[in-house]
Amino acid sequence: MNVDSVRLIRIFSLSLLTALALAQAPMPAANSSPAPRFQVATIKPSTPDEPRTTQIRGIRFVTTGTSVVDLLKYACGLHEEQIAGGPKWMETQKFDVVADPETQTRPTSPEFKKMVQELLADRFHLKAHYETRELAAYEIVPAKSGPKLTTSTSPPDGPPVVGYAPGNLGAGNATLADFAGFLQRFVTDRPVFDATGIAGKYDFSLRWTPDDTQPDASRSESSNSYPGLFTAIQEQLGLKLQEAKHAVQVFVIDRIDAPTEN
């Protein structure tokens, strides 16, 4: 694809980025420098049964076995219940992505997410808009026993990190809002909101036995040696997941195409 074609795609894909900016992002300062972009990105179909991973390797963004829904969940902080419309292949077709930014300085976590948003607009021609809808959700609140949280010793300005396998979630240097985002991205069947009122950054280690409502439950290696998710969160973290109704932003797909050639 030549440079002029890339520029045209970027121009005609602005509706996605505009929707995201209006719904989520503050206006940049007048003297702010341009955000980094991916200079080179390779997108190819995954091999069958390839595990789902999303990693930052140095300055490189790498995924395996990820769907468009997975990429939206990462880039926009969405639960799949907050994604409406679009073809079924957005969930079922999996891709491997390798993308290098146009900078030698490691982008921040929000910058990586913005670059993935732009990648979806550029290469999948994704256009969408937001609507407010009331959805079933979970809230994280302190349990009666009180929180059992481990304060992070990582640099406070460092990014949150997460590792996930079915029945096992570990996170570092993460706020309770980050933890809620990790739960909704990997574990729960509905969006999750932090309602604890607890500030600070923490290291989380959570083990549980998944049930049928949770993704990848069949791949869990817990062998029923741990309690279910709700009990595990109370016993191990002193927190509680409770059901709630929330007015949330729903990302409505207007257009999406198979990815353009590398």
C-alpha atoms as a PDB file:
ATOM      1  CA  MET A   1       0.000   0.000   0.000  1.00  0.00           C
ATOM      2  CA  ASN A   2       1.466   3.383  -0.987  1.00  0.00           C
ATOM      3  CA  VAL A   3       1.724   6.447   1.236  1.00  0.00           C
ATOM      4  CA  ASP A   4      -1.132   8.305  -0.493  1.00  0.00           C
ATOM      5  CA  SER A   5      -3.477   5.357   0.040  1.00  0.00           C
ATOM      6  CA  VAL A   6      -2.597   5.224   3.721  1.00  0.00           C
ATOM      7  CA  ARG A   7      -3.293   8.951   4.053  1.00  0.00           C
ATOM      8  CA  LEU A   8      -6.687   8.584   2.380  1.00  0.00           C
ATOM      9  CA  ILE A   9      -7.658   5.705   4.652  1.00  0.00           C
ATOM     10  CA  ARG A  10      -6.681   7.777   7.680  1.00  0.00           C
ATOM     11  CA  ILE A  11      -8.796  10.711   6.478  1.00  0.00           C
ATOM     12  CA  PHE A  12     -11.913   8.627   5.801  1.00  0.00           C
ATOM     13  CA  SER A  13     -11.546   6.665   9.068  1.00  0.00           C
ATOM     14  CA  LEU A  14     -11.759   9.735  11.289  1.00  0.00           C
ATOM     15  CA  SER A  15     -15.300   8.949  12.435  1.00  0.00           C
ATOM     16  CA  LEU A  16     -13.989   6.111  14.623  1.00  0.00           C
ATOM     17  CA  LEU A  17     -11.324   8.283  16.208  1.00  0.00           C
ATOM     18  CA  THR A  18     -13.745  11.178  16.630  1.00  0.00           C
ATOM     19  CA  ALA A  19     -16.235   8.935  18.414  1.00  0.00           C
ATOM     20  CA  LEU A  20     -13.536   7.648  20.714  1.00  0.00           C
ATOM     21  CA  ALA A  21     -12.258  11.135  21.432  1.00  0.00           C
ATOM     22  CA  LEU A  22     -15.690  12.532  22.215  1.00  0.00           C
ATOM     23  CA  ALA A  23     -16.577   9.662  24.519  1.00  0.00           C
ATOM     24  CA  GLN A  24     -13.322   9.015  26.316  1.00  0.00           C
ATOM     25  CA  ALA A  25     -10.423  11.358  25.750  1.00  0.00           C
ATOM     26  CA  PRO A  26      -9.780  14.855  27.100  1.00  0.00           C
ATOM     27  CA  MET A  27      -8.893  17.560  24.627  1.00  0.00           C
ATOM     28  CA  PRO A  28      -5.103  17.801  24.183  1.00  0.00           C
ATOM     29  CA  ALA A  29      -3.263  20.881  25.275  1.00  0.00           C
ATOM     30  CA  ALA A  30      -2.545  23.371  22.503  1.00  0.00           C
ATOM     31  CA  ASN A  31       1.203  22.824  22.738  1.00  0.00           C
ATOM     32  CA  SER A  32       1.081  19.030  23.133  1.00  0.00           C
ATOM     33  CA  SER A  33       3.276  17.005  20.774  1.00  0.00           C
ATOM     34  CA  PRO A  34       1.645  14.610  18.281  1.00  0.00           C
ATOM     35  CA  ALA A  35       0.942  11.148  19.658  1.00  0.00           C
ATOM     36  CA  PRO A  36       3.112   8.357  18.212  1.00  0.00           C
ATOM     37  CA  ARG A  37       1.706   6.084  15.511  1.00  0.00           C
ATOM     38  CA  PHE A  38       2.555   2.607  14.327  1.00  0.00           C
ATOM     39  CA  GLN A  39       5.047   2.964  11.501  1.00  0.00           C
ATOM     40  CA  VAL A  40       4.847  -0.687  10.401  1.00  0.00           C
ATOM     41  CA  ALA A  41       2.143  -3.220  11.275  1.00  0.00           C
ATOM     42  CA  THR A  42       1.743  -6.828  10.152  1.00  0.00           C
ATOM     43  CA  ILE A  43      -1.683  -8.464  10.521  1.00  0.00           C
ATOM     44  CA  LYS A  44      -2.140 -12.111   9.569  1.00  0.00           C
ATOM     45  CA  PRO A  45      -4.648 -14.873  10.377  1.00  0.00           C
ATOM     46  CA  SER A  46      -3.801 -16.915  13.456  1.00  0.00           C
ATOM     47  CA  THR A  47      -3.182 -20.636  13.290  1.00  0.00           C
ATOM     48  CA  PRO A  48      -5.974 -22.819  14.750  1.00  0.00           C
ATOM     49  CA  ASP A  49      -6.061 -23.059  18.567  1.00  0.00           C
ATOM     50  CA  GLU A  50      -3.365 -20.396  18.966  1.00  0.00           C
ATOM     51  CA  PRO A  51      -3.596 -18.958  22.499  1.00  0.00           C
ATOM     52  CA  ARG A  52      -4.889 -15.421  22.954  1.00  0.00           C
ATOM     53  CA  THR A  53      -2.102 -13.091  24.078  1.00  0.00           C
ATOM     54  CA  THR A  54      -1.487  -9.330  24.060  1.00  0.00           C
ATOM     55  CA  GLN A  55       2.007  -8.138  24.916  1.00  0.00           C
ATOM     56  CA  ILE A  56       4.234  -5.077  24.816  1.00  0.00           C
ATOM     57  CA  ARG A  57       7.753  -6.247  23.949  1.00  0.00           C
ATOM     58  CA  GLY A  58       9.997  -3.251  24.420  1.00  0.00           C
ATOM     59  CA  ILE A  59       8.415  -0.736  22.051  1.00  0.00           C
ATOM     60  CA  ARG A  60       6.648  -3.416  19.944  1.00  0.00           C
ATOM     61  CA  PHE A  61       2.944  -4.296  20.224  1.00  0.00           C
ATOM     62  CA  VAL A  62       2.350  -8.025  19.685  1.00  0.00           C
ATOM     63  CA  THR A  63      -0.775 -10.181  19.815  1.00  0.00           C
ATOM     64  CA  THR A  64      -1.622 -13.775  18.953  1.00  0.00           C
ATOM     65  CA  GLY A  65      -5.053 -15.339  18.556  1.00  0.00           C
ATOM     66  CA  THR A  66      -6.865 -12.017  18.974  1.00  0.00           C
ATOM     67  CA  SER A  67     -10.165 -11.029  17.417  1.00  0.00           C
ATOM     68  CA  VAL A  68     -11.319  -7.524  16.537  1.00  0.00           C
ATOM     69  CA  VAL A  69     -13.466  -7.680  19.677  1.00  0.00           C
ATOM     70  CA  ASP A  70     -10.344  -8.469  21.716  1.00  0.00           C
ATOM     71  CA  LEU A  71      -8.520  -5.514  20.175  1.00  0.00           C
ATOM     72  CA  LEU A  72     -11.438  -3.178  20.912  1.00  0.00           C
ATOM     73  CA  LYS A  73     -11.591  -4.416  24.499  1.00  0.00           C
ATOM     74  CA  TYR A  74      -7.898  -3.570  24.897  1.00  0.00           C
ATOM     75  CA  ALA A  75      -7.815  -0.300  22.974  1.00  0.00           C
ATOM     76  CA  CYS A  76     -11.073   1.249  24.180  1.00  0.00           C
ATOM     77  CA  GLY A  77     -11.541  -0.257  27.635  1.00  0.00           C
ATOM     78  CA  LEU A  78     -14.743  -1.990  26.543  1.00  0.00           C
ATOM     79  CA  HIS A  79     -16.501  -5.151  27.618  1.00  0.00           C
ATOM     80  CA  GLU A  80     -17.877  -7.190  24.718  1.00  0.00           C
ATOM     81  CA  GLU A  81     -21.403  -6.366  25.951  1.00  0.00           C
ATOM     82  CA  GLN A  82     -20.524  -2.747  25.114  1.00  0.00           C
ATOM     83  CA  ILE A  83     -19.843  -3.600  21.448  1.00  0.00           C
ATOM     84  CA  ALA A  84     -22.931  -3.674  19.233  1.00  0.00           C
ATOM     85  CA  GLY A  85     -23.469  -4.441  15.567  1.00  0.00           C
ATOM     86  CA  GLY A  86     -20.888  -5.660  13.099  1.00  0.00           C
ATOM     87  CA  PRO A  87     -20.415  -9.090  11.504  1.00  0.00           C
ATOM     88  CA  LYS A  88     -19.898 -12.293  13.459  1.00  0.00           C
ATOM     89  CA  TRP A  89     -16.303 -12.655  12.210  1.00  0.00           C
ATOM     90  CA  MET A  90     -15.325  -9.802  14.532  1.00  0.00           C
ATOM     91  CA  GLU A  91     -15.531 -12.399  17.319  1.00  0.00           C
ATOM     92  CA  THR A  92     -14.647 -15.620  15.531  1.00  0.00           C
ATOM     93  CA  GLN A  93     -11.785 -14.684  13.172  1.00  0.00           C
ATOM     94  CA  LYS A  94      -8.452 -14.448  14.999  1.00  0.00           C
ATOM     95  CA  PHE A  95      -5.363 -12.479  14.014  1.00  0.00           C
ATOM     96  CA  ASP A  96      -1.700 -12.145  14.945  1.00  0.00           C
ATOM     97  CA  VAL A  97      -0.504  -8.543  15.055  1.00  0.00           C
ATOM     98  CA  VAL A  98       3.060  -7.223  15.150  1.00  0.00           C
ATOM     99  CA  ALA A  99       3.300  -3.424  15.150  1.00  0.00           C
ATOM    100  CA  ASP A 100       6.268  -1.105  15.611  1.00  0.00           C
ATOM    101  CA  PRO A 101       5.781   2.569  16.536  1.00  0.00           C
ATOM    102  CA  GLU A 102       7.495   5.402  14.733  1.00  0.00           C
ATOM    103  CA  THR A 103       9.532   6.224  17.850  1.00  0.00           C
ATOM    104  CA  GLN A 104      12.426   4.630  19.695  1.00  0.00           C
ATOM    105  CA  THR A 105      10.983   5.753  23.028  1.00  0.00           C
ATOM    106  CA  ARG A 106       8.514   3.353  24.592  1.00  0.00           C
ATOM    107  CA  PRO A 107       4.986   4.801  24.306  1.00  0.00           C
ATOM    108  CA  THR A 108       2.818   5.030  27.395  1.00  0.00           C
ATOM    109  CA  SER A 109      -0.072   2.613  27.944  1.00  0.00           C
ATOM    110  CA  PRO A 110      -2.681   5.199  26.790  1.00  0.00           C
ATOM    111  CA  GLU A 111      -0.555   5.931  23.703  1.00  0.00           C
ATOM    112  CA  PHE A 112      -0.395   2.232  22.785  1.00  0.00           C
ATOM    113  CA  LYS A 113      -4.172   2.027  23.107  1.00  0.00           C
ATOM    114  CA  LYS A 114      -4.650   5.094  20.913  1.00  0.00           C
ATOM    115  CA  MET A 115      -2.314   3.568  18.296  1.00  0.00           C
ATOM    116  CA  VAL A 116      -4.369   0.359  18.258  1.00  0.00           C
ATOM    117  CA  GLN A 117      -7.523   2.467  17.763  1.00  0.00           C
ATOM    118  CA  GLU A 118      -5.859   4.090  14.757  1.00  0.00           C
ATOM    119  CA  LEU A 119      -4.693   0.696  13.482  1.00  0.00           C
ATOM    120  CA  LEU A 120      -8.295  -0.542  13.502  1.00  0.00           C
ATOM    121  CA  ALA A 121      -9.383   2.569  11.590  1.00  0.00           C
ATOM    122  CA  ASP A 122      -6.527   2.354   9.072  1.00  0.00           C
ATOM    123  CA  ARG A 123      -6.419  -1.365   8.366  1.00  0.00           C
ATOM    124  CA  PHE A 124      -9.974  -2.571   9.109  1.00  0.00           C
ATOM    125  CA  HIS A 125     -11.669   0.680   7.953  1.00  0.00           C
ATOM    126  CA  LEU A 126     -13.560   0.637  11.253  1.00  0.00           C
ATOM    127  CA  LYS A 127     -16.166   3.352  11.735  1.00  0.00           C
ATOM    128  CA  ALA A 128     -18.464   3.530  14.747  1.00  0.00           C
ATOM    129  CA  HIS A 129     -20.364   5.759  17.119  1.00  0.00           C
ATOM    130  CA  TYR A 130     -21.292   5.697  20.798  1.00  0.00           C
ATOM    131  CA  GLU A 131     -24.747   5.358  22.336  1.00  0.00           C
ATOM    132  CA  THR A 132     -25.658   5.402  26.028  1.00  0.00           C
ATOM    133  CA  ARG A 133     -27.524   2.280  27.174  1.00  0.00           C
ATOM    134  CA  GLU A 134     -28.310   0.740  30.551  1.00  0.00           C
ATOM    135  CA  LEU A 135     -26.583  -2.616  30.966  1.00  0.00           C
ATOM    136  CA  ALA A 136     -26.253  -5.243  33.662  1.00  0.00           C
ATOM    137  CA  ALA A 137     -22.845  -4.825  35.297  1.00  0.00           C
ATOM    138  CA  TYR A 138     -20.762  -5.626  38.346  1.00  0.00           C
ATOM    139  CA  GLU A 139     -19.384  -3.202  40.904  1.00  0.00           C
ATOM    140  CA  ILE A 140     -16.300  -3.831  43.022  1.00  0.00           C
ATOM    141  CA  VAL A 141     -16.889  -2.790  46.646  1.00  0.00           C
ATOM    142  CA  PRO A 142     -14.985  -3.527  49.878  1.00  0.00           C
ATOM    143  CA  ALA A 143     -16.006  -6.788  51.561  1.00  0.00           C
ATOM    144  CA  LYS A 144     -17.211  -6.739  55.175  1.00  0.00           C
ATOM    145  CA  SER A 145     -13.849  -8.204  56.240  1.00  0.00           C
ATOM    146  CA  GLY A 146     -12.066  -5.171  54.754  1.00  0.00           C
ATOM    147  CA  PRO A 147      -9.653  -4.966  51.789  1.00  0.00           C
ATOM    148  CA  LYS A 148      -6.600  -7.237  51.699  1.00  0.00           C
ATOM    149  CA  LEU A 149      -4.507  -5.345  49.171  1.00  0.00           C
ATOM    150  CA  THR A 150      -0.749  -5.347  48.575  1.00  0.00           C
ATOM    151  CA  THR A 151       0.604  -1.876  47.855  1.00  0.00           C
ATOM    152  CA  SER A 152       2.752  -1.853  44.724  1.00  0.00           C
ATOM    153  CA  THR A 153       6.446  -1.068  45.067  1.00  0.00           C
ATOM    154  CA  SER A 154       6.803  -0.267  41.360  1.00  0.00           C
ATOM    155  CA  PRO A 155       7.532   3.330  40.265  1.00  0.00           C
ATOM    156  CA  PRO A 156       4.247   5.219  40.640  1.00  0.00           C
ATOM    157  CA  ASP A 157       4.438   6.593  37.095  1.00  0.00           C
ATOM    158  CA  GLY A 158       4.993   3.131  35.618  1.00  0.00           C
ATOM    159  CA  PRO A 159       2.256   1.416  33.576  1.00  0.00           C
ATOM    160  CA  PRO A 160      -0.013  -1.274  35.022  1.00  0.00           C
ATOM    161  CA  VAL A 161       0.828  -4.811  33.942  1.00  0.00           C
ATOM    162  CA  VAL A 162      -1.342  -7.912  33.778  1.00  0.00           C
ATOM    163  CA  GLY A 163      -0.982 -11.633  33.175  1.00  0.00           C
ATOM    164  CA  TYR A 164      -3.940 -13.919  32.610  1.00  0.00           C
ATOM    165  CA  ALA A 165      -4.614 -17.622  32.269  1.00  0.00           C
ATOM    166  CA  PRO A 166      -8.008 -19.258  32.877  1.00  0.00           C
ATOM    167  CA  GLY A 167      -8.552 -19.184  36.639  1.00  0.00           C
ATOM    168  CA  ASN A 168      -5.446 -17.089  37.297  1.00  0.00           C
ATOM    169  CA  LEU A 169      -5.079 -13.318  37.047  1.00  0.00           C
ATOM    170  CA  GLY A 170      -2.044 -11.392  38.221  1.00  0.00           C
ATOM    171  CA  ALA A 171      -1.656  -7.629  37.950  1.00  0.00           C
ATOM    172  CA  GLY A 172       0.966  -5.157  39.091  1.00  0.00           C
ATOM    173  CA  ASN A 173       1.123  -1.415  39.697  1.00  0.00           C
ATOM    174  CA  ALA A 174      -2.637  -1.251  39.086  1.00  0.00           C
ATOM    175  CA  THR A 175      -5.405   0.891  40.511  1.00  0.00           C
ATOM    176  CA  LEU A 176      -8.761  -0.620  41.471  1.00  0.00           C
ATOM    177  CA  ALA A 177     -10.122   0.870  38.235  1.00  0.00           C
ATOM    178  CA  ASP A 178      -7.362  -0.953  36.317  1.00  0.00           C
ATOM    179  CA  PHE A 179      -8.274  -4.173  38.140  1.00  0.00           C
ATOM    180  CA  ALA A 180     -11.946  -3.706  37.206  1.00  0.00           C
ATOM    181  CA  GLY A 181     -10.848  -3.244  33.582  1.00  0.00           C
ATOM    182  CA  PHE A 182      -8.781  -6.445  33.675  1.00  0.00           C
ATOM    183  CA  LEU A 183     -11.711  -8.409  35.098  1.00  0.00           C
ATOM    184  CA  GLN A 184     -14.116  -7.219  32.399  1.00  0.00           C
ATOM    185  CA  ARG A 185     -11.551  -7.732  29.659  1.00  0.00           C
ATOM    186  CA  PHE A 186     -10.585 -11.297  30.565  1.00  0.00           C
ATOM    187  CA  VAL A 187     -13.013 -12.822  33.046  1.00  0.00           C
ATOM    188  CA  THR A 188     -16.561 -11.583  33.540  1.00  0.00           C
ATOM    189  CA  ASP A 189     -19.694 -11.828  31.412  1.00  0.00           C
ATOM    190  CA  ARG A 190     -20.563  -8.144  31.926  1.00  0.00           C
ATOM    191  CA  PRO A 191     -18.821  -4.772  32.455  1.00  0.00           C
ATOM    192  CA  VAL A 192     -17.105  -4.105  35.799  1.00  0.00           C
ATOM    193  CA  PHE A 193     -16.855  -0.772  37.649  1.00  0.00           C
ATOM    194  CA  ASP A 194     -14.720   0.257  40.622  1.00  0.00           C
ATOM    195  CA  ALA A 195     -16.996   1.516  43.402  1.00  0.00           C
ATOM    196  CA  THR A 196     -14.523   1.050  46.276  1.00  0.00           C
ATOM    197  CA  GLY A 197     -13.378   4.643  46.645  1.00  0.00           C
ATOM    198  CA  ILE A 198      -9.890   3.243  47.318  1.00  0.00           C
ATOM    199  CA  ALA A 199      -6.969   5.167  45.797  1.00  0.00           C
ATOM    200  CA  GLY A 200      -3.430   3.963  45.181  1.00  0.00           C
ATOM    201  CA  LYS A 201      -1.727   1.281  43.101  1.00  0.00           C
ATOM    202  CA  TYR A 202      -1.556  -2.367  44.097  1.00  0.00           C
ATOM    203  CA  ASP A 203      -0.275  -5.790  43.081  1.00  0.00           C
ATOM    204  CA  PHE A 204      -3.022  -8.385  42.627  1.00  0.00           C
ATOM    205  CA  SER A 205      -2.873 -12.181  42.605  1.00  0.00           C
ATOM    206  CA  LEU A 206      -6.178 -13.971  42.168  1.00  0.00           C
ATOM    207  CA  ARG A 207      -6.829 -17.708  41.693  1.00  0.00           C
ATOM    208  CA  TRP A 208     -10.269 -19.240  41.176  1.00  0.00           C
ATOM    209  CA  THR A 209     -12.131 -22.076  39.450  1.00  0.00           C
ATOM    210  CA  PRO A 210     -13.932 -20.671  36.378  1.00  0.00           C
ATOM    211  CA  ASP A 211     -17.557 -21.490  35.660  1.00  0.00           C
ATOM    212  CA  ASP A 212     -19.353 -21.748  32.340  1.00  0.00           C
ATOM    213  CA  THR A 213     -20.088 -18.004  32.180  1.00  0.00           C
ATOM    214  CA  GLN A 214     -16.380 -17.149  31.943  1.00  0.00           C
ATOM    215  CA  PRO A 215     -14.200 -17.255  28.817  1.00  0.00           C
ATOM    216  CA  ASP A 216     -11.739 -20.145  28.415  1.00  0.00           C
ATOM    217  CA  ALA A 217     -13.251 -22.032  31.380  1.00  0.00           C
ATOM    218  CA  SER A 218     -12.479 -25.362  29.711  1.00  0.00           C
ATOM    219  CA  ARG A 219      -8.767 -24.503  29.633  1.00  0.00           C
ATOM    220  CA  SER A 220      -8.516 -23.867  33.367  1.00  0.00           C
ATOM    221  CA  GLU A 221      -5.849 -25.876  35.192  1.00  0.00           C
ATOM    222  CA  SER A 222      -7.268 -25.193  38.664  1.00  0.00           C
ATOM    223  CA  SER A 223      -8.835 -28.699  38.938  1.00  0.00           C
ATOM    224  CA  ASN A 224     -11.489 -27.253  41.274  1.00  0.00           C
ATOM    225  CA  SER A 225      -8.830 -26.618  43.932  1.00  0.00           C
ATOM    226  CA  TYR A 226      -9.901 -22.961  44.251  1.00  0.00           C
ATOM    227  CA  PRO A 227     -13.312 -21.425  44.986  1.00  0.00           C
ATOM    228  CA  GLY A 228     -15.426 -19.659  42.390  1.00  0.00           C
ATOM    229  CA  LEU A 229     -14.630 -16.124  41.287  1.00  0.00           C
ATOM    230  CA  PHE A 230     -16.948 -14.297  43.701  1.00  0.00           C
ATOM    231  CA  THR A 231     -15.732 -16.200  46.762  1.00  0.00           C
ATOM    232  CA  ALA A 232     -12.083 -15.985  45.663  1.00  0.00           C
ATOM    233  CA  ILE A 233     -12.235 -12.187  45.356  1.00  0.00           C
ATOM    234  CA  GLN A 234     -13.650 -11.902  48.886  1.00  0.00           C
ATOM    235  CA  GLU A 235     -11.256 -14.379  50.484  1.00  0.00           C
ATOM    236  CA  GLN A 236      -8.064 -13.368  48.681  1.00  0.00           C
ATOM    237  CA  LEU A 237      -8.530  -9.608  48.166  1.00  0.00           C
ATOM    238  CA  GLY A 238     -11.148  -8.553  50.707  1.00  0.00           C
ATOM    239  CA  LEU A 239     -13.278  -7.171  47.885  1.00  0.00           C
ATOM    240  CA  LYS A 240     -16.740  -8.043  46.632  1.00  0.00           C
ATOM    241  CA  LEU A 241     -18.335  -8.212  43.190  1.00  0.00           C
ATOM    242  CA  GLN A 242     -21.982  -7.194  43.338  1.00  0.00           C
ATOM    243  CA  GLU A 243     -24.575  -6.924  40.590  1.00  0.00           C
ATOM    244  CA  ALA A 244     -25.626  -3.461  39.440  1.00  0.00           C
ATOM    245  CA  LYS A 245     -27.223  -1.558  36.575  1.00  0.00           C
ATOM    246  CA  HIS A 246     -25.124   1.126  34.868  1.00  0.00           C
ATOM    247  CA  ALA A 247     -25.720   3.608  32.070  1.00  0.00           C
ATOM    248  CA  VAL A 248     -22.699   2.889  29.907  1.00  0.00           C
ATOM    249  CA  GLN A 249     -21.277   3.946  26.569  1.00  0.00           C
ATOM    250  CA  VAL A 250     -21.968   1.281  23.915  1.00  0.00           C
ATOM    251  CA  PHE A 251     -19.713   1.209  20.859  1.00  0.00           C
ATOM    252  CA  VAL A 252     -21.938   0.700  17.799  1.00  0.00           C
ATOM    253  CA  ILE A 253     -20.200  -0.573  14.664  1.00  0.00           C
ATOM    254  CA  ASP A 254     -21.172   1.300  11.501  1.00  0.00           C
ATOM    255  CA  ARG A 255     -18.623  -0.290   9.169  1.00  0.00           C
ATOM    256  CA  ILE A 256     -15.772  -2.774   9.311  1.00  0.00           C
ATOM    257  CA  ASP A 257     -13.870  -4.641   6.574  1.00  0.00           C
ATOM    258  CA  ALA A 258     -11.405  -7.496   6.530  1.00  0.00           C
ATOM    259  CA  PRO A 259      -7.931  -6.095   7.204  1.00  0.00           C
ATOM    260  CA  THR A 260      -6.020  -4.597   4.315  1.00  0.00           C
ATOM    261  CA  GLU A 261      -2.878  -6.309   3.074  1.00  0.00           C
ATOM    262  CA  ASN A 262       0.373  -5.831   4.997  1.00  0.00           C
END
